[in-house]
Structures are given as C-alpha cells and as structure tokens.
PDBML (XML) file of the C-alpha atoms, coordinates in Angstrom:
<?xml version="1.0" encoding="UTF-8" ?>
<PDBx:datablock datablockName="MODEL"
   xmlns:PDBx="http://pdbml.pdb.org/schema/pdbx-v50.xsd"
   xmlns:xsi="http://www.w3.org/2001/XMLSchema-instance"
   xsi:schemaLocation="http://pdbml.pdb.org/schema/pdbx-v50.xsd pdbx-v50.xsd">
   <PDBx:atom_siteCategory>
      <PDBx:atom_site id="1">
         <PDBx:B_iso_or_equiv>0.00</PDBx:B_iso_or_equiv>
         <PDBx:Cartn_x>0.904</PDBx:Cartn_x>
         <PDBx:Cartn_y>3.105</PDBx:Cartn_y>
         <PDBx:Cartn_z>26.718</PDBx:Cartn_z>
         <PDBx:auth_asym_id>A</PDBx:auth_asym_id>
         <PDBx:auth_atom_id>CA</PDBx:auth_atom_id>
         <PDBx:auth_comp_id>UNK</PDBx:auth_comp_id>
         <PDBx:auth_seq_id>1</PDBx:auth_seq_id>
         <PDBx:group_PDB>ATOM</PDBx:group_PDB>
         <PDBx:label_alt_id xsi:nil="true" />
         <PDBx:label_asym_id>A</PDBx:label_asym_id>
         <PDBx:label_atom_id>CA</PDBx:label_atom_id>
         <PDBx:label_comp_id>UNK</PDBx:label_comp_id>
         <PDBx:label_entity_id>1</PDBx:label_entity_id>
         <PDBx:label_seq_id>1</PDBx:label_seq_id>
         <PDBx:occupancy>1.00</PDBx:occupancy>
         <PDBx:pdbx_PDB_model_num>1</PDBx:pdbx_PDB_model_num>
         <PDBx:type_symbol>C</PDBx:type_symbol>
      </PDBx:atom_site>
      <PDBx:atom_site id="2">
         <PDBx:B_iso_or_equiv>0.00</PDBx:B_iso_or_equiv>
         <PDBx:Cartn_x>1.673</PDBx:Cartn_x>
         <PDBx:Cartn_y>0.021</PDBx:Cartn_y>
         <PDBx:Cartn_z>24.689</PDBx:Cartn_z>
         <PDBx:auth_asym_id>A</PDBx:auth_asym_id>
         <PDBx:auth_atom_id>CA</PDBx:auth_atom_id>
         <PDBx:auth_comp_id>UNK</PDBx:auth_comp_id>
         <PDBx:auth_seq_id>2</PDBx:auth_seq_id>
         <PDBx:group_PDB>ATOM</PDBx:group_PDB>
         <PDBx:label_alt_id xsi:nil="true" />
         <PDBx:label_asym_id>A</PDBx:label_asym_id>
         <PDBx:label_atom_id>CA</PDBx:label_atom_id>
         <PDBx:label_comp_id>UNK</PDBx:label_comp_id>
         <PDBx:label_entity_id>1</PDBx:label_entity_id>
         <PDBx:label_seq_id>2</PDBx:label_seq_id>
         <PDBx:occupancy>1.00</PDBx:occupancy>
         <PDBx:pdbx_PDB_model_num>1</PDBx:pdbx_PDB_model_num>
         <PDBx:type_symbol>C</PDBx:type_symbol>
      </PDBx:atom_site>
      <PDBx:atom_site id="3">
         <PDBx:B_iso_or_equiv>0.00</PDBx:B_iso_or_equiv>
         <PDBx:Cartn_x>3.167</PDBx:Cartn_x>
         <PDBx:Cartn_y>-2.060</PDBx:Cartn_y>
         <PDBx:Cartn_z>27.482</PDBx:Cartn_z>
         <PDBx:auth_asym_id>A</PDBx:auth_asym_id>
         <PDBx:auth_atom_id>CA</PDBx:auth_atom_id>
         <PDBx:auth_comp_id>UNK</PDBx:auth_comp_id>
         <PDBx:auth_seq_id>3</PDBx:auth_seq_id>
         <PDBx:group_PDB>ATOM</PDBx:group_PDB>
         <PDBx:label_alt_id xsi:nil="true" />
         <PDBx:label_asym_id>A</PDBx:label_asym_id>
         <PDBx:label_atom_id>CA</PDBx:label_atom_id>
         <PDBx:label_comp_id>UNK</PDBx:label_comp_id>
         <PDBx:label_entity_id>1</PDBx:label_entity_id>
         <PDBx:label_seq_id>3</PDBx:label_seq_id>
         <PDBx:occupancy>1.00</PDBx:occupancy>
         <PDBx:pdbx_PDB_model_num>1</PDBx:pdbx_PDB_model_num>
         <PDBx:type_symbol>C</PDBx:type_symbol>
      </PDBx:atom_site>
      <PDBx:atom_site id="4">
         <PDBx:B_iso_or_equiv>0.00</PDBx:B_iso_or_equiv>
         <PDBx:Cartn_x>2.260</PDBx:Cartn_x>
         <PDBx:Cartn_y>-3.284</PDBx:Cartn_y>
         <PDBx:Cartn_z>30.961</PDBx:Cartn_z>
         <PDBx:auth_asym_id>A</PDBx:auth_asym_id>
         <PDBx:auth_atom_id>CA</PDBx:auth_atom_id>
         <PDBx:auth_comp_id>UNK</PDBx:auth_comp_id>
         <PDBx:auth_seq_id>4</PDBx:auth_seq_id>
         <PDBx:group_PDB>ATOM</PDBx:group_PDB>
         <PDBx:label_alt_id xsi:nil="true" />
         <PDBx:label_asym_id>A</PDBx:label_asym_id>
         <PDBx:label_atom_id>CA</PDBx:label_atom_id>
         <PDBx:label_comp_id>UNK</PDBx:label_comp_id>
         <PDBx:label_entity_id>1</PDBx:label_entity_id>
         <PDBx:label_seq_id>4</PDBx:label_seq_id>
         <PDBx:occupancy>1.00</PDBx:occupancy>
         <PDBx:pdbx_PDB_model_num>1</PDBx:pdbx_PDB_model_num>
         <PDBx:type_symbol>C</PDBx:type_symbol>
      </PDBx:atom_site>
      <PDBx:atom_site id="5">
         <PDBx:B_iso_or_equiv>0.00</PDBx:B_iso_or_equiv>
         <PDBx:Cartn_x>3.254</PDBx:Cartn_x>
         <PDBx:Cartn_y>-0.163</PDBx:Cartn_y>
         <PDBx:Cartn_z>32.837</PDBx:Cartn_z>
         <PDBx:auth_asym_id>A</PDBx:auth_asym_id>
         <PDBx:auth_atom_id>CA</PDBx:auth_atom_id>
         <PDBx:auth_comp_id>UNK</PDBx:auth_comp_id>
         <PDBx:auth_seq_id>5</PDBx:auth_seq_id>
         <PDBx:group_PDB>ATOM</PDBx:group_PDB>
         <PDBx:label_alt_id xsi:nil="true" />
         <PDBx:label_asym_id>A</PDBx:label_asym_id>
         <PDBx:label_atom_id>CA</PDBx:label_atom_id>
         <PDBx:label_comp_id>UNK</PDBx:label_comp_id>
         <PDBx:label_entity_id>1</PDBx:label_entity_id>
         <PDBx:label_seq_id>5</PDBx:label_seq_id>
         <PDBx:occupancy>1.00</PDBx:occupancy>
         <PDBx:pdbx_PDB_model_num>1</PDBx:pdbx_PDB_model_num>
         <PDBx:type_symbol>C</PDBx:type_symbol>
      </PDBx:atom_site>
      <PDBx:atom_site id="6">
         <PDBx:B_iso_or_equiv>0.00</PDBx:B_iso_or_equiv>
         <PDBx:Cartn_x>3.154</PDBx:Cartn_x>
         <PDBx:Cartn_y>-1.665</PDBx:Cartn_y>
         <PDBx:Cartn_z>36.325</PDBx:Cartn_z>
         <PDBx:auth_asym_id>A</PDBx:auth_asym_id>
         <PDBx:auth_atom_id>CA</PDBx:auth_atom_id>
         <PDBx:auth_comp_id>UNK</PDBx:auth_comp_id>
         <PDBx:auth_seq_id>6</PDBx:auth_seq_id>
         <PDBx:group_PDB>ATOM</PDBx:group_PDB>
         <PDBx:label_alt_id xsi:nil="true" />
         <PDBx:label_asym_id>A</PDBx:label_asym_id>
         <PDBx:label_atom_id>CA</PDBx:label_atom_id>
         <PDBx:label_comp_id>UNK</PDBx:label_comp_id>
         <PDBx:label_entity_id>1</PDBx:label_entity_id>
         <PDBx:label_seq_id>6</PDBx:label_seq_id>
         <PDBx:occupancy>1.00</PDBx:occupancy>
         <PDBx:pdbx_PDB_model_num>1</PDBx:pdbx_PDB_model_num>
         <PDBx:type_symbol>C</PDBx:type_symbol>
      </PDBx:atom_site>
      <PDBx:atom_site id="7">
         <PDBx:B_iso_or_equiv>0.00</PDBx:B_iso_or_equiv>
         <PDBx:Cartn_x>5.811</PDBx:Cartn_x>
         <PDBx:Cartn_y>-4.239</PDBx:Cartn_y>
         <PDBx:Cartn_z>35.468</PDBx:Cartn_z>
         <PDBx:auth_asym_id>A</PDBx:auth_asym_id>
         <PDBx:auth_atom_id>CA</PDBx:auth_atom_id>
         <PDBx:auth_comp_id>UNK</PDBx:auth_comp_id>
         <PDBx:auth_seq_id>7</PDBx:auth_seq_id>
         <PDBx:group_PDB>ATOM</PDBx:group_PDB>
         <PDBx:label_alt_id xsi:nil="true" />
         <PDBx:label_asym_id>A</PDBx:label_asym_id>
         <PDBx:label_atom_id>CA</PDBx:label_atom_id>
         <PDBx:label_comp_id>UNK</PDBx:label_comp_id>
         <PDBx:label_entity_id>1</PDBx:label_entity_id>
         <PDBx:label_seq_id>7</PDBx:label_seq_id>
         <PDBx:occupancy>1.00</PDBx:occupancy>
         <PDBx:pdbx_PDB_model_num>1</PDBx:pdbx_PDB_model_num>
         <PDBx:type_symbol>C</PDBx:type_symbol>
      </PDBx:atom_site>
      <PDBx:atom_site id="8">
         <PDBx:B_iso_or_equiv>0.00</PDBx:B_iso_or_equiv>
         <PDBx:Cartn_x>8.610</PDBx:Cartn_x>
         <PDBx:Cartn_y>-1.820</PDBx:Cartn_y>
         <PDBx:Cartn_z>34.643</PDBx:Cartn_z>
         <PDBx:auth_asym_id>A</PDBx:auth_asym_id>
         <PDBx:auth_atom_id>CA</PDBx:auth_atom_id>
         <PDBx:auth_comp_id>UNK</PDBx:auth_comp_id>
         <PDBx:auth_seq_id>8</PDBx:auth_seq_id>
         <PDBx:group_PDB>ATOM</PDBx:group_PDB>
         <PDBx:label_alt_id xsi:nil="true" />
         <PDBx:label_asym_id>A</PDBx:label_asym_id>
         <PDBx:label_atom_id>CA</PDBx:label_atom_id>
         <PDBx:label_comp_id>UNK</PDBx:label_comp_id>
         <PDBx:label_entity_id>1</PDBx:label_entity_id>
         <PDBx:label_seq_id>8</PDBx:label_seq_id>
         <PDBx:occupancy>1.00</PDBx:occupancy>
         <PDBx:pdbx_PDB_model_num>1</PDBx:pdbx_PDB_model_num>
         <PDBx:type_symbol>C</PDBx:type_symbol>
      </PDBx:atom_site>
      <PDBx:atom_site id="9">
         <PDBx:B_iso_or_equiv>0.00</PDBx:B_iso_or_equiv>
         <PDBx:Cartn_x>10.783</PDBx:Cartn_x>
         <PDBx:Cartn_y>0.721</PDBx:Cartn_y>
         <PDBx:Cartn_z>36.354</PDBx:Cartn_z>
         <PDBx:auth_asym_id>A</PDBx:auth_asym_id>
         <PDBx:auth_atom_id>CA</PDBx:auth_atom_id>
         <PDBx:auth_comp_id>UNK</PDBx:auth_comp_id>
         <PDBx:auth_seq_id>9</PDBx:auth_seq_id>
         <PDBx:group_PDB>ATOM</PDBx:group_PDB>
         <PDBx:label_alt_id xsi:nil="true" />
         <PDBx:label_asym_id>A</PDBx:label_asym_id>
         <PDBx:label_atom_id>CA</PDBx:label_atom_id>
         <PDBx:label_comp_id>UNK</PDBx:label_comp_id>
         <PDBx:label_entity_id>1</PDBx:label_entity_id>
         <PDBx:label_seq_id>9</PDBx:label_seq_id>
         <PDBx:occupancy>1.00</PDBx:occupancy>
         <PDBx:pdbx_PDB_model_num>1</PDBx:pdbx_PDB_model_num>
         <PDBx:type_symbol>C</PDBx:type_symbol>
      </PDBx:atom_site>
      <PDBx:atom_site id="10">
         <PDBx:B_iso_or_equiv>0.00</PDBx:B_iso_or_equiv>
         <PDBx:Cartn_x>10.541</PDBx:Cartn_x>
         <PDBx:Cartn_y>4.212</PDBx:Cartn_y>
         <PDBx:Cartn_z>34.919</PDBx:Cartn_z>
         <PDBx:auth_asym_id>A</PDBx:auth_asym_id>
         <PDBx:auth_atom_id>CA</PDBx:auth_atom_id>
         <PDBx:auth_comp_id>UNK</PDBx:auth_comp_id>
         <PDBx:auth_seq_id>10</PDBx:auth_seq_id>
         <PDBx:group_PDB>ATOM</PDBx:group_PDB>
         <PDBx:label_alt_id xsi:nil="true" />
         <PDBx:label_asym_id>A</PDBx:label_asym_id>
         <PDBx:label_atom_id>CA</PDBx:label_atom_id>
         <PDBx:label_comp_id>UNK</PDBx:label_comp_id>
         <PDBx:label_entity_id>1</PDBx:label_entity_id>
         <PDBx:label_seq_id>10</PDBx:label_seq_id>
         <PDBx:occupancy>1.00</PDBx:occupancy>
         <PDBx:pdbx_PDB_model_num>1</PDBx:pdbx_PDB_model_num>
         <PDBx:type_symbol>C</PDBx:type_symbol>
      </PDBx:atom_site>
      <PDBx:atom_site id="11">
         <PDBx:B_iso_or_equiv>0.00</PDBx:B_iso_or_equiv>
         <PDBx:Cartn_x>13.053</PDBx:Cartn_x>
         <PDBx:Cartn_y>7.019</PDBx:Cartn_y>
         <PDBx:Cartn_z>34.679</PDBx:Cartn_z>
         <PDBx:auth_asym_id>A</PDBx:auth_asym_id>
         <PDBx:auth_atom_id>CA</PDBx:auth_atom_id>
         <PDBx:auth_comp_id>UNK</PDBx:auth_comp_id>
         <PDBx:auth_seq_id>11</PDBx:auth_seq_id>
         <PDBx:group_PDB>ATOM</PDBx:group_PDB>
         <PDBx:label_alt_id xsi:nil="true" />
         <PDBx:label_asym_id>A</PDBx:label_asym_id>
         <PDBx:label_atom_id>CA</PDBx:label_atom_id>
         <PDBx:label_comp_id>UNK</PDBx:label_comp_id>
         <PDBx:label_entity_id>1</PDBx:label_entity_id>
         <PDBx:label_seq_id>11</PDBx:label_seq_id>
         <PDBx:occupancy>1.00</PDBx:occupancy>
         <PDBx:pdbx_PDB_model_num>1</PDBx:pdbx_PDB_model_num>
         <PDBx:type_symbol>C</PDBx:type_symbol>
      </PDBx:atom_site>
      <PDBx:atom_site id="12">
         <PDBx:B_iso_or_equiv>0.00</PDBx:B_iso_or_equiv>
         <PDBx:Cartn_x>13.302</PDBx:Cartn_x>
         <PDBx:Cartn_y>10.703</PDBx:Cartn_y>
         <PDBx:Cartn_z>33.926</PDBx:Cartn_z>
         <PDBx:auth_asym_id>A</PDBx:auth_asym_id>
         <PDBx:auth_atom_id>CA</PDBx:auth_atom_id>
         <PDBx:auth_comp_id>UNK</PDBx:auth_comp_id>
         <PDBx:auth_seq_id>12</PDBx:auth_seq_id>
         <PDBx:group_PDB>ATOM</PDBx:group_PDB>
         <PDBx:label_alt_id xsi:nil="true" />
         <PDBx:label_asym_id>A</PDBx:label_asym_id>
         <PDBx:label_atom_id>CA</PDBx:label_atom_id>
         <PDBx:label_comp_id>UNK</PDBx:label_comp_id>
         <PDBx:label_entity_id>1</PDBx:label_entity_id>
         <PDBx:label_seq_id>12</PDBx:label_seq_id>
         <PDBx:occupancy>1.00</PDBx:occupancy>
         <PDBx:pdbx_PDB_model_num>1</PDBx:pdbx_PDB_model_num>
         <PDBx:type_symbol>C</PDBx:type_symbol>
      </PDBx:atom_site>
      <PDBx:atom_site id="13">
         <PDBx:B_iso_or_equiv>0.00</PDBx:B_iso_or_equiv>
         <PDBx:Cartn_x>16.310</PDBx:Cartn_x>
         <PDBx:Cartn_y>12.062</PDBx:Cartn_y>
         <PDBx:Cartn_z>32.033</PDBx:Cartn_z>
         <PDBx:auth_asym_id>A</PDBx:auth_asym_id>
         <PDBx:auth_atom_id>CA</PDBx:auth_atom_id>
         <PDBx:auth_comp_id>UNK</PDBx:auth_comp_id>
         <PDBx:auth_seq_id>13</PDBx:auth_seq_id>
         <PDBx:group_PDB>ATOM</PDBx:group_PDB>
         <PDBx:label_alt_id xsi:nil="true" />
         <PDBx:label_asym_id>A</PDBx:label_asym_id>
         <PDBx:label_atom_id>CA</PDBx:label_atom_id>
         <PDBx:label_comp_id>UNK</PDBx:label_comp_id>
         <PDBx:label_entity_id>1</PDBx:label_entity_id>
         <PDBx:label_seq_id>13</PDBx:label_seq_id>
         <PDBx:occupancy>1.00</PDBx:occupancy>
         <PDBx:pdbx_PDB_model_num>1</PDBx:pdbx_PDB_model_num>
         <PDBx:type_symbol>C</PDBx:type_symbol>
      </PDBx:atom_site>
      <PDBx:atom_site id="14">
         <PDBx:B_iso_or_equiv>0.00</PDBx:B_iso_or_equiv>
         <PDBx:Cartn_x>17.242</PDBx:Cartn_x>
         <PDBx:Cartn_y>15.540</PDBx:Cartn_y>
         <PDBx:Cartn_z>30.967</PDBx:Cartn_z>
         <PDBx:auth_asym_id>A</PDBx:auth_asym_id>
         <PDBx:auth_atom_id>CA</PDBx:auth_atom_id>
         <PDBx:auth_comp_id>UNK</PDBx:auth_comp_id>
         <PDBx:auth_seq_id>14</PDBx:auth_seq_id>
         <PDBx:group_PDB>ATOM</PDBx:group_PDB>
         <PDBx:label_alt_id xsi:nil="true" />
         <PDBx:label_asym_id>A</PDBx:label_asym_id>
         <PDBx:label_atom_id>CA</PDBx:label_atom_id>
         <PDBx:label_comp_id>UNK</PDBx:label_comp_id>
         <PDBx:label_entity_id>1</PDBx:label_entity_id>
         <PDBx:label_seq_id>14</PDBx:label_seq_id>
         <PDBx:occupancy>1.00</PDBx:occupancy>
         <PDBx:pdbx_PDB_model_num>1</PDBx:pdbx_PDB_model_num>
         <PDBx:type_symbol>C</PDBx:type_symbol>
      </PDBx:atom_site>
      <PDBx:atom_site id="15">
         <PDBx:B_iso_or_equiv>0.00</PDBx:B_iso_or_equiv>
         <PDBx:Cartn_x>19.449</PDBx:Cartn_x>
         <PDBx:Cartn_y>17.082</PDBx:Cartn_y>
         <PDBx:Cartn_z>28.328</PDBx:Cartn_z>
         <PDBx:auth_asym_id>A</PDBx:auth_asym_id>
         <PDBx:auth_atom_id>CA</PDBx:auth_atom_id>
         <PDBx:auth_comp_id>UNK</PDBx:auth_comp_id>
         <PDBx:auth_seq_id>15</PDBx:auth_seq_id>
         <PDBx:group_PDB>ATOM</PDBx:group_PDB>
         <PDBx:label_alt_id xsi:nil="true" />
         <PDBx:label_asym_id>A</PDBx:label_asym_id>
         <PDBx:label_atom_id>CA</PDBx:label_atom_id>
         <PDBx:label_comp_id>UNK</PDBx:label_comp_id>
         <PDBx:label_entity_id>1</PDBx:label_entity_id>
         <PDBx:label_seq_id>15</PDBx:label_seq_id>
         <PDBx:occupancy>1.00</PDBx:occupancy>
         <PDBx:pdbx_PDB_model_num>1</PDBx:pdbx_PDB_model_num>
         <PDBx:type_symbol>C</PDBx:type_symbol>
      </PDBx:atom_site>
      <PDBx:atom_site id="16">
         <PDBx:B_iso_or_equiv>0.00</PDBx:B_iso_or_equiv>
         <PDBx:Cartn_x>20.710</PDBx:Cartn_x>
         <PDBx:Cartn_y>20.641</PDBx:Cartn_y>
         <PDBx:Cartn_z>28.251</PDBx:Cartn_z>
         <PDBx:auth_asym_id>A</PDBx:auth_asym_id>
         <PDBx:auth_atom_id>CA</PDBx:auth_atom_id>
         <PDBx:auth_comp_id>UNK</PDBx:auth_comp_id>
         <PDBx:auth_seq_id>16</PDBx:auth_seq_id>
         <PDBx:group_PDB>ATOM</PDBx:group_PDB>
         <PDBx:label_alt_id xsi:nil="true" />
         <PDBx:label_asym_id>A</PDBx:label_asym_id>
         <PDBx:label_atom_id>CA</PDBx:label_atom_id>
         <PDBx:label_comp_id>UNK</PDBx:label_comp_id>
         <PDBx:label_entity_id>1</PDBx:label_entity_id>
         <PDBx:label_seq_id>16</PDBx:label_seq_id>
         <PDBx:occupancy>1.00</PDBx:occupancy>
         <PDBx:pdbx_PDB_model_num>1</PDBx:pdbx_PDB_model_num>
         <PDBx:type_symbol>C</PDBx:type_symbol>
      </PDBx:atom_site>
      <PDBx:atom_site id="17">
         <PDBx:B_iso_or_equiv>0.00</PDBx:B_iso_or_equiv>
         <PDBx:Cartn_x>22.270</PDBx:Cartn_x>
         <PDBx:Cartn_y>22.161</PDBx:Cartn_y>
         <PDBx:Cartn_z>25.112</PDBx:Cartn_z>
         <PDBx:auth_asym_id>A</PDBx:auth_asym_id>
         <PDBx:auth_atom_id>CA</PDBx:auth_atom_id>
         <PDBx:auth_comp_id>UNK</PDBx:auth_comp_id>
         <PDBx:auth_seq_id>17</PDBx:auth_seq_id>
         <PDBx:group_PDB>ATOM</PDBx:group_PDB>
         <PDBx:label_alt_id xsi:nil="true" />
         <PDBx:label_asym_id>A</PDBx:label_asym_id>
         <PDBx:label_atom_id>CA</PDBx:label_atom_id>
         <PDBx:label_comp_id>UNK</PDBx:label_comp_id>
         <PDBx:label_entity_id>1</PDBx:label_entity_id>
         <PDBx:label_seq_id>17</PDBx:label_seq_id>
         <PDBx:occupancy>1.00</PDBx:occupancy>
         <PDBx:pdbx_PDB_model_num>1</PDBx:pdbx_PDB_model_num>
         <PDBx:type_symbol>C</PDBx:type_symbol>
      </PDBx:atom_site>
      <PDBx:atom_site id="18">
         <PDBx:B_iso_or_equiv>0.00</PDBx:B_iso_or_equiv>
         <PDBx:Cartn_x>25.777</PDBx:Cartn_x>
         <PDBx:Cartn_y>20.843</PDBx:Cartn_y>
         <PDBx:Cartn_z>24.573</PDBx:Cartn_z>
         <PDBx:auth_asym_id>A</PDBx:auth_asym_id>
         <PDBx:auth_atom_id>CA</PDBx:auth_atom_id>
         <PDBx:auth_comp_id>UNK</PDBx:auth_comp_id>
         <PDBx:auth_seq_id>18</PDBx:auth_seq_id>
         <PDBx:group_PDB>ATOM</PDBx:group_PDB>
         <PDBx:label_alt_id xsi:nil="true" />
         <PDBx:label_asym_id>A</PDBx:label_asym_id>
         <PDBx:label_atom_id>CA</PDBx:label_atom_id>
         <PDBx:label_comp_id>UNK</PDBx:label_comp_id>
         <PDBx:label_entity_id>1</PDBx:label_entity_id>
         <PDBx:label_seq_id>18</PDBx:label_seq_id>
         <PDBx:occupancy>1.00</PDBx:occupancy>
         <PDBx:pdbx_PDB_model_num>1</PDBx:pdbx_PDB_model_num>
         <PDBx:type_symbol>C</PDBx:type_symbol>
      </PDBx:atom_site>
      <PDBx:atom_site id="19">
         <PDBx:B_iso_or_equiv>0.00</PDBx:B_iso_or_equiv>
         <PDBx:Cartn_x>25.555</PDBx:Cartn_x>
         <PDBx:Cartn_y>18.445</PDBx:Cartn_y>
         <PDBx:Cartn_z>27.503</PDBx:Cartn_z>
         <PDBx:auth_asym_id>A</PDBx:auth_asym_id>
         <PDBx:auth_atom_id>CA</PDBx:auth_atom_id>
         <PDBx:auth_comp_id>UNK</PDBx:auth_comp_id>
         <PDBx:auth_seq_id>19</PDBx:auth_seq_id>
         <PDBx:group_PDB>ATOM</PDBx:group_PDB>
         <PDBx:label_alt_id xsi:nil="true" />
         <PDBx:label_asym_id>A</PDBx:label_asym_id>
         <PDBx:label_atom_id>CA</PDBx:label_atom_id>
         <PDBx:label_comp_id>UNK</PDBx:label_comp_id>
         <PDBx:label_entity_id>1</PDBx:label_entity_id>
         <PDBx:label_seq_id>19</PDBx:label_seq_id>
         <PDBx:occupancy>1.00</PDBx:occupancy>
         <PDBx:pdbx_PDB_model_num>1</PDBx:pdbx_PDB_model_num>
         <PDBx:type_symbol>C</PDBx:type_symbol>
      </PDBx:atom_site>
      <PDBx:atom_site id="20">
         <PDBx:B_iso_or_equiv>0.00</PDBx:B_iso_or_equiv>
         <PDBx:Cartn_x>25.109</PDBx:Cartn_x>
         <PDBx:Cartn_y>14.677</PDBx:Cartn_y>
         <PDBx:Cartn_z>27.457</PDBx:Cartn_z>
         <PDBx:auth_asym_id>A</PDBx:auth_asym_id>
         <PDBx:auth_atom_id>CA</PDBx:auth_atom_id>
         <PDBx:auth_comp_id>UNK</PDBx:auth_comp_id>
         <PDBx:auth_seq_id>20</PDBx:auth_seq_id>
         <PDBx:group_PDB>ATOM</PDBx:group_PDB>
         <PDBx:label_alt_id xsi:nil="true" />
         <PDBx:label_asym_id>A</PDBx:label_asym_id>
         <PDBx:label_atom_id>CA</PDBx:label_atom_id>
         <PDBx:label_comp_id>UNK</PDBx:label_comp_id>
         <PDBx:label_entity_id>1</PDBx:label_entity_id>
         <PDBx:label_seq_id>20</PDBx:label_seq_id>
         <PDBx:occupancy>1.00</PDBx:occupancy>
         <PDBx:pdbx_PDB_model_num>1</PDBx:pdbx_PDB_model_num>
         <PDBx:type_symbol>C</PDBx:type_symbol>
      </PDBx:atom_site>
      <PDBx:atom_site id="21">
         <PDBx:B_iso_or_equiv>0.00</PDBx:B_iso_or_equiv>
         <PDBx:Cartn_x>21.700</PDBx:Cartn_x>
         <PDBx:Cartn_y>13.371</PDBx:Cartn_y>
         <PDBx:Cartn_z>28.457</PDBx:Cartn_z>
         <PDBx:auth_asym_id>A</PDBx:auth_asym_id>
         <PDBx:auth_atom_id>CA</PDBx:auth_atom_id>
         <PDBx:auth_comp_id>UNK</PDBx:auth_comp_id>
         <PDBx:auth_seq_id>21</PDBx:auth_seq_id>
         <PDBx:group_PDB>ATOM</PDBx:group_PDB>
         <PDBx:label_alt_id xsi:nil="true" />
         <PDBx:label_asym_id>A</PDBx:label_asym_id>
         <PDBx:label_atom_id>CA</PDBx:label_atom_id>
         <PDBx:label_comp_id>UNK</PDBx:label_comp_id>
         <PDBx:label_entity_id>1</PDBx:label_entity_id>
         <PDBx:label_seq_id>21</PDBx:label_seq_id>
         <PDBx:occupancy>1.00</PDBx:occupancy>
         <PDBx:pdbx_PDB_model_num>1</PDBx:pdbx_PDB_model_num>
         <PDBx:type_symbol>C</PDBx:type_symbol>
      </PDBx:atom_site>
      <PDBx:atom_site id="22">
         <PDBx:B_iso_or_equiv>0.00</PDBx:B_iso_or_equiv>
         <PDBx:Cartn_x>21.685</PDBx:Cartn_x>
         <PDBx:Cartn_y>12.461</PDBx:Cartn_y>
         <PDBx:Cartn_z>32.159</PDBx:Cartn_z>
         <PDBx:auth_asym_id>A</PDBx:auth_asym_id>
         <PDBx:auth_atom_id>CA</PDBx:auth_atom_id>
         <PDBx:auth_comp_id>UNK</PDBx:auth_comp_id>
         <PDBx:auth_seq_id>22</PDBx:auth_seq_id>
         <PDBx:group_PDB>ATOM</PDBx:group_PDB>
         <PDBx:label_alt_id xsi:nil="true" />
         <PDBx:label_asym_id>A</PDBx:label_asym_id>
         <PDBx:label_atom_id>CA</PDBx:label_atom_id>
         <PDBx:label_comp_id>UNK</PDBx:label_comp_id>
         <PDBx:label_entity_id>1</PDBx:label_entity_id>
         <PDBx:label_seq_id>22</PDBx:label_seq_id>
         <PDBx:occupancy>1.00</PDBx:occupancy>
         <PDBx:pdbx_PDB_model_num>1</PDBx:pdbx_PDB_model_num>
         <PDBx:type_symbol>C</PDBx:type_symbol>
      </PDBx:atom_site>
      <PDBx:atom_site id="23">
         <PDBx:B_iso_or_equiv>0.00</PDBx:B_iso_or_equiv>
         <PDBx:Cartn_x>19.396</PDBx:Cartn_x>
         <PDBx:Cartn_y>10.471</PDBx:Cartn_y>
         <PDBx:Cartn_z>34.392</PDBx:Cartn_z>
         <PDBx:auth_asym_id>A</PDBx:auth_asym_id>
         <PDBx:auth_atom_id>CA</PDBx:auth_atom_id>
         <PDBx:auth_comp_id>UNK</PDBx:auth_comp_id>
         <PDBx:auth_seq_id>23</PDBx:auth_seq_id>
         <PDBx:group_PDB>ATOM</PDBx:group_PDB>
         <PDBx:label_alt_id xsi:nil="true" />
         <PDBx:label_asym_id>A</PDBx:label_asym_id>
         <PDBx:label_atom_id>CA</PDBx:label_atom_id>
         <PDBx:label_comp_id>UNK</PDBx:label_comp_id>
         <PDBx:label_entity_id>1</PDBx:label_entity_id>
         <PDBx:label_seq_id>23</PDBx:label_seq_id>
         <PDBx:occupancy>1.00</PDBx:occupancy>
         <PDBx:pdbx_PDB_model_num>1</PDBx:pdbx_PDB_model_num>
         <PDBx:type_symbol>C</PDBx:type_symbol>
      </PDBx:atom_site>
      <PDBx:atom_site id="24">
         <PDBx:B_iso_or_equiv>0.00</PDBx:B_iso_or_equiv>
         <PDBx:Cartn_x>17.502</PDBx:Cartn_x>
         <PDBx:Cartn_y>12.597</PDBx:Cartn_y>
         <PDBx:Cartn_z>36.890</PDBx:Cartn_z>
         <PDBx:auth_asym_id>A</PDBx:auth_asym_id>
         <PDBx:auth_atom_id>CA</PDBx:auth_atom_id>
         <PDBx:auth_comp_id>UNK</PDBx:auth_comp_id>
         <PDBx:auth_seq_id>24</PDBx:auth_seq_id>
         <PDBx:group_PDB>ATOM</PDBx:group_PDB>
         <PDBx:label_alt_id xsi:nil="true" />
         <PDBx:label_asym_id>A</PDBx:label_asym_id>
         <PDBx:label_atom_id>CA</PDBx:label_atom_id>
         <PDBx:label_comp_id>UNK</PDBx:label_comp_id>
         <PDBx:label_entity_id>1</PDBx:label_entity_id>
         <PDBx:label_seq_id>24</PDBx:label_seq_id>
         <PDBx:occupancy>1.00</PDBx:occupancy>
         <PDBx:pdbx_PDB_model_num>1</PDBx:pdbx_PDB_model_num>
         <PDBx:type_symbol>C</PDBx:type_symbol>
      </PDBx:atom_site>
      <PDBx:atom_site id="25">
         <PDBx:B_iso_or_equiv>0.00</PDBx:B_iso_or_equiv>
         <PDBx:Cartn_x>15.379</PDBx:Cartn_x>
         <PDBx:Cartn_y>10.092</PDBx:Cartn_y>
         <PDBx:Cartn_z>38.796</PDBx:Cartn_z>
         <PDBx:auth_asym_id>A</PDBx:auth_asym_id>
         <PDBx:auth_atom_id>CA</PDBx:auth_atom_id>
         <PDBx:auth_comp_id>UNK</PDBx:auth_comp_id>
         <PDBx:auth_seq_id>25</PDBx:auth_seq_id>
         <PDBx:group_PDB>ATOM</PDBx:group_PDB>
         <PDBx:label_alt_id xsi:nil="true" />
         <PDBx:label_asym_id>A</PDBx:label_asym_id>
         <PDBx:label_atom_id>CA</PDBx:label_atom_id>
         <PDBx:label_comp_id>UNK</PDBx:label_comp_id>
         <PDBx:label_entity_id>1</PDBx:label_entity_id>
         <PDBx:label_seq_id>25</PDBx:label_seq_id>
         <PDBx:occupancy>1.00</PDBx:occupancy>
         <PDBx:pdbx_PDB_model_num>1</PDBx:pdbx_PDB_model_num>
         <PDBx:type_symbol>C</PDBx:type_symbol>
      </PDBx:atom_site>
   </PDBx:atom_siteCategory>
</PDBx:datablock>
C-alpha cells in the first residue's frame, strides 16, 4: 500500500543468520 502497485516490479529477498540478504525472486 502507499504507492501504485501495478507500476513497479516487486522482489522477494531472504536473510539467514550470519548471511548477507539475498534476492530470491
């Protein structure tokens, strides 16, 4: 919410303990 959702790409990231956050999809 708070922006025009349909105009922007979206991503999922993940972060495990002690590991840098990484893009998933």
